Amino acid sequence: MSISISRQLRRIRIDYGAFVLRLLSDDEAKAIVENQFKPSFKQDLFYAGTSNGLNELMNTIRKNIKF
């Protein structure tokens, strides 16, 4: 998984392979970007937004793991 953040271009993108796709849907990833990353970024709180977004990504993946 890679997360690309460009402050100057005002863009964020999450890329992941087939394995992660089984644990994280595109809709979930988009919702995390909109609800976790972007609100903090709009306030110039890039560290907080990145931390919140990463934590939510990991929580969602953990929730979707089936044992």
Protein backbone atom coordinates (compact mmCIF):
# COMPACT_ATOMS: atom_id res chain seq x y z
CA MET A 1 0.00 0.00 0.00
CA SER A 2 1.22 3.47 -0.77
CA ILE A 3 -0.30 6.79 0.16
CA SER A 4 0.72 9.79 -1.92
CA ILE A 5 0.07 13.26 -0.52
CA SER A 6 0.81 16.45 -2.44
CA ARG A 7 0.25 19.66 -0.56
CA GLN A 8 1.00 21.83 -3.57
CA LEU A 9 -1.32 19.93 -5.90
CA ARG A 10 -3.89 19.45 -3.12
CA ARG A 11 -4.21 15.74 -3.91
CA ILE A 12 -4.13 12.50 -1.98
CA ARG A 13 -4.18 8.99 -3.42
CA ILE A 14 -4.16 5.55 -1.85
CA ASP A 15 -2.83 2.70 -4.02
CA TYR A 16 -2.95 -0.92 -3.02
CA GLY A 17 -2.72 -4.33 -4.58
CA ALA A 18 -5.07 -7.26 -4.91
CA PHE A 19 -4.42 -8.58 -1.40
CA VAL A 20 -5.38 -5.32 0.31
CA LEU A 21 -8.36 -4.97 -2.05
CA ARG A 22 -9.87 -8.01 -0.30
CA LEU A 23 -9.59 -6.14 3.01
CA LEU A 24 -10.34 -2.56 1.96
CA SER A 25 -12.90 -1.58 -0.66
CA ASP A 26 -12.54 1.46 -2.88
CA ASP A 27 -15.59 2.99 -1.20
CA GLU A 28 -14.05 2.53 2.26
CA ALA A 29 -10.78 4.11 1.10
CA LYS A 30 -12.63 7.09 -0.41
CA ALA A 31 -14.65 7.57 2.77
CA ILE A 32 -11.49 7.53 4.89
CA VAL A 33 -9.87 10.15 2.65
CA GLU A 34 -12.95 12.37 2.82
CA ASN A 35 -13.64 11.94 6.56
CA GLN A 36 -10.17 11.55 8.09
CA PHE A 37 -7.48 13.05 5.87
CA LYS A 38 -9.15 16.03 4.18
CA PRO A 39 -10.77 17.83 7.15
CA SER A 40 -7.41 18.20 8.92
CA PHE A 41 -5.58 19.02 5.70
CA LYS A 42 -7.99 21.90 5.06
CA GLN A 43 -6.91 23.34 8.43
CA ASP A 44 -3.20 22.87 7.51
CA LEU A 45 -2.90 20.08 10.10
CA PHE A 46 -1.08 17.66 7.84
CA TYR A 47 0.50 15.51 10.55
CA ALA A 48 -2.83 15.11 12.38
CA GLY A 49 -4.70 14.35 9.16
CA THR A 50 -2.15 11.78 8.07
CA SER A 51 -2.14 10.15 11.50
CA ASN A 52 -5.95 10.05 11.67
CA GLY A 53 -6.21 8.65 8.16
CA LEU A 54 -3.58 5.96 8.69
CA ASN A 55 -5.15 4.88 11.97
CA GLU A 56 -8.57 4.61 10.34
CA LEU A 57 -7.13 2.67 7.39
CA MET A 58 -5.49 0.17 9.73
CA ASN A 59 -8.63 -0.13 11.89
CA THR A 60 -10.76 -0.80 8.80
CA ILE A 61 -8.35 -3.42 7.50
CA ARG A 62 -8.19 -5.11 10.92
CA LYS A 63 -12.00 -5.11 11.11
CA ASN A 64 -12.27 -6.75 7.69
CA ILE A 65 -9.78 -9.57 8.38
CA LYS A 66 -11.64 -12.87 8.68
CA PHE A 67 -9.96 -15.61 10.70
